[in-house]
Each structure stands twice: as structure tokens, then as C-alpha cells.
Protein backbone atom coordinates (compact mmCIF):
# COMPACT_ATOMS: atom_id res chain seq x y z
CA MET A 1 12.91 -14.17 -8.77
CA GLN A 2 10.21 -11.66 -7.79
CA LYS A 3 8.23 -9.06 -9.67
CA ALA A 4 5.92 -6.24 -8.55
CA LEU A 5 2.76 -5.23 -10.38
CA ILE A 6 0.16 -2.55 -9.66
CA ILE A 7 -3.48 -3.26 -10.43
CA GLN A 8 -5.36 0.04 -10.67
CA SER A 9 -8.99 0.60 -9.76
CA ASN A 10 -9.85 1.04 -13.45
CA GLY A 11 -8.59 -2.49 -14.16
CA SER A 12 -5.27 -1.43 -15.64
CA GLY A 13 -2.68 -4.13 -15.04
CA LYS A 14 -5.22 -6.96 -14.81
CA HIS A 15 -4.26 -8.43 -18.18
CA ASP A 16 -0.56 -8.28 -17.23
CA LEU A 17 -1.35 -10.20 -14.05
CA GLU A 18 -3.30 -12.84 -15.95
CA ASP A 19 -0.41 -13.27 -18.42
CA LEU A 20 2.13 -13.67 -15.60
CA LEU A 21 -0.05 -16.25 -13.84
CA ARG A 22 -0.35 -18.23 -17.08
CA ASP A 23 3.46 -18.10 -17.34
CA GLY A 24 3.81 -19.84 -13.97
CA TRP A 25 4.25 -16.84 -11.64
CA GLN A 26 2.62 -17.15 -8.20
CA VAL A 27 1.15 -14.35 -6.08
CA VAL A 28 2.96 -14.09 -2.74
CA SER A 29 1.56 -10.78 -1.47
CA ILE A 30 -1.25 -8.32 -2.17
CA THR A 31 -1.34 -4.91 -0.51
CA ALA A 32 -4.27 -2.52 -0.92
CA ASN A 33 -3.59 1.19 -1.28
CA ASN A 34 -6.86 2.91 -0.39
CA GLY A 35 -6.67 6.51 -1.54
CA SER A 36 -9.37 9.15 -1.37
CA SER A 37 -10.45 8.63 -4.98
CA TYR A 38 -8.98 5.28 -5.98
CA ASN A 39 -8.17 1.76 -4.80
CA ASP A 40 -4.97 0.26 -6.20
CA PHE A 41 -3.34 -3.05 -5.33
CA LEU A 42 0.36 -3.80 -5.19
CA VAL A 43 0.84 -7.44 -6.18
CA ILE A 44 4.14 -9.24 -5.56
CA LEU A 45 4.71 -12.32 -7.69
CA GLN A 46 7.39 -14.99 -7.51
CA LYS A 47 8.72 -17.56 -9.95
CA ASP A 48 11.34 -20.18 -9.12
């Protein structure tokens, strides 16, 4: 099973990522979205 999560430049989503990692999810992909005024990251996680 896979899940997508966005980590925003202000740190929003970071705690969700930490919780998922503690639950046994693994990061399989990170894609940066470099906008003119922000830097967000699309994180794909997977759990068997």
C-alpha cells in the first residue's frame, strides 16, 4: 500500500511524516516542487 504526503516549506506535514515512519512506513520517493516563493516536497511512502 502507498501513501502520498506533502511537506510544505513552513514545516507543515513534518509531524505527519514522523508519525508514519514510526508506524513502519518507508519513504520510496521524494520530489521537490520549487516554486517562486516556496519549496514543497511530495513524499511517497509504502507499507507492506
